[in-house]
Amino acid sequence: MVSCCDRYVHERLAIFAGSKHSLKGRNWATRYNGEWLMRLGVFRFSGNVHWATTHASR
């Protein structure tokens, strides 16, 4: 499962790379796929969030 943060980072990096290489259009999903992100060394969020109290109980 891909989080919304992962999708946002993927989109922004792809748009940046497209503008850097003077590529027109926003078909970033086909040009810059998950394999491209792995070659860049971008990590994805994974795991579970465990909520805890932020202060000591009395």
C-alpha atoms as a PDB file:
ATOM      1  CA  MET A   1       0.000   0.000   0.000  1.00  0.00           C
ATOM      2  CA  VAL A   2       1.367   3.384  -0.982  1.00  0.00           C
ATOM      3  CA  SER A   3       0.714   6.308   1.323  1.00  0.00           C
ATOM      4  CA  CYS A   4      -0.430   9.708   0.144  1.00  0.00           C
ATOM      5  CA  CYS A   5       2.950  11.137   1.216  1.00  0.00           C
ATOM      6  CA  ASP A   6       4.753   8.621  -1.001  1.00  0.00           C
ATOM      7  CA  ARG A   7       2.555   9.539  -3.974  1.00  0.00           C
ATOM      8  CA  TYR A   8       3.152  13.250  -3.379  1.00  0.00           C
ATOM      9  CA  VAL A   9       6.933  12.838  -3.190  1.00  0.00           C
ATOM     10  CA  HIS A  10       6.896  10.657  -6.334  1.00  0.00           C
ATOM     11  CA  GLU A  11       4.859  13.245  -8.242  1.00  0.00           C
ATOM     12  CA  ARG A  12       6.968  16.219  -7.161  1.00  0.00           C
ATOM     13  CA  LEU A  13      10.265  14.474  -7.977  1.00  0.00           C
ATOM     14  CA  ALA A  14       8.935  13.394 -11.377  1.00  0.00           C
ATOM     15  CA  ILE A  15       7.703  16.895 -12.222  1.00  0.00           C
ATOM     16  CA  PHE A  16      11.059  18.325 -11.144  1.00  0.00           C
ATOM     17  CA  ALA A  17      12.964  15.808 -13.275  1.00  0.00           C
ATOM     18  CA  GLY A  18      10.670  16.470 -16.237  1.00  0.00           C
ATOM     19  CA  SER A  19      11.223  20.215 -16.054  1.00  0.00           C
ATOM     20  CA  LYS A  20      14.960  19.717 -15.610  1.00  0.00           C
ATOM     21  CA  HIS A  21      15.082  17.664 -18.828  1.00  0.00           C
ATOM     22  CA  SER A  22      12.647  19.986 -20.677  1.00  0.00           C
ATOM     23  CA  LEU A  23       9.923  17.336 -20.997  1.00  0.00           C
ATOM     24  CA  LYS A  24       6.436  18.681 -21.572  1.00  0.00           C
ATOM     25  CA  GLY A  25       3.267  17.240 -20.079  1.00  0.00           C
ATOM     26  CA  ARG A  26       2.359  15.656 -16.809  1.00  0.00           C
ATOM     27  CA  ASN A  27       2.485  11.988 -17.782  1.00  0.00           C
ATOM     28  CA  TRP A  28       5.052  11.495 -15.036  1.00  0.00           C
ATOM     29  CA  ALA A  29       3.641   8.136 -13.918  1.00  0.00           C
ATOM     30  CA  THR A  30       4.753   6.432 -17.133  1.00  0.00           C
ATOM     31  CA  ARG A  31       8.126   8.147 -17.440  1.00  0.00           C
ATOM     32  CA  TYR A  32       9.144   7.942 -13.812  1.00  0.00           C
ATOM     33  CA  ASN A  33       7.953   4.681 -12.298  1.00  0.00           C
ATOM     34  CA  GLY A  34       8.782   2.942  -9.026  1.00  0.00           C
ATOM     35  CA  GLU A  35      11.982   1.494 -10.452  1.00  0.00           C
ATOM     36  CA  TRP A  36      13.182   5.023 -11.198  1.00  0.00           C
ATOM     37  CA  LEU A  37      12.556   5.988  -7.567  1.00  0.00           C
ATOM     38  CA  MET A  38      14.502   2.958  -6.345  1.00  0.00           C
ATOM     39  CA  ARG A  39      17.481   3.930  -8.526  1.00  0.00           C
ATOM     40  CA  LEU A  40      17.367   7.394  -6.944  1.00  0.00           C
ATOM     41  CA  GLY A  41      17.475   5.797  -3.513  1.00  0.00           C
ATOM     42  CA  VAL A  42      14.143   7.220  -2.326  1.00  0.00           C
ATOM     43  CA  PHE A  43      12.722   5.349   0.645  1.00  0.00           C
ATOM     44  CA  ARG A  44       9.013   4.713   1.071  1.00  0.00           C
ATOM     45  CA  PHE A  45       7.069   5.031   4.277  1.00  0.00           C
ATOM     46  CA  SER A  46       6.059   1.684   5.675  1.00  0.00           C
ATOM     47  CA  GLY A  47       5.008   0.209   8.962  1.00  0.00           C
ATOM     48  CA  ASN A  48       2.370   0.906  11.544  1.00  0.00           C
ATOM     49  CA  VAL A  49       1.845   3.907  13.765  1.00  0.00           C
ATOM     50  CA  HIS A  50       1.504   3.120  17.447  1.00  0.00           C
ATOM     51  CA  TRP A  51      -0.049   6.014  19.303  1.00  0.00           C
ATOM     52  CA  ALA A  52       1.032   6.510  22.890  1.00  0.00           C
ATOM     53  CA  THR A  53       0.449   9.086  25.579  1.00  0.00           C
ATOM     54  CA  THR A  54       2.691  12.103  25.373  1.00  0.00           C
ATOM     55  CA  HIS A  55       2.945  12.616  29.114  1.00  0.00           C
ATOM     56  CA  ALA A  56       3.378  10.395  32.123  1.00  0.00           C
ATOM     57  CA  SER A  57       0.238   9.137  33.820  1.00  0.00           C
ATOM     58  CA  ARG A  58      -0.229   9.713  37.541  1.00  0.00           C
END
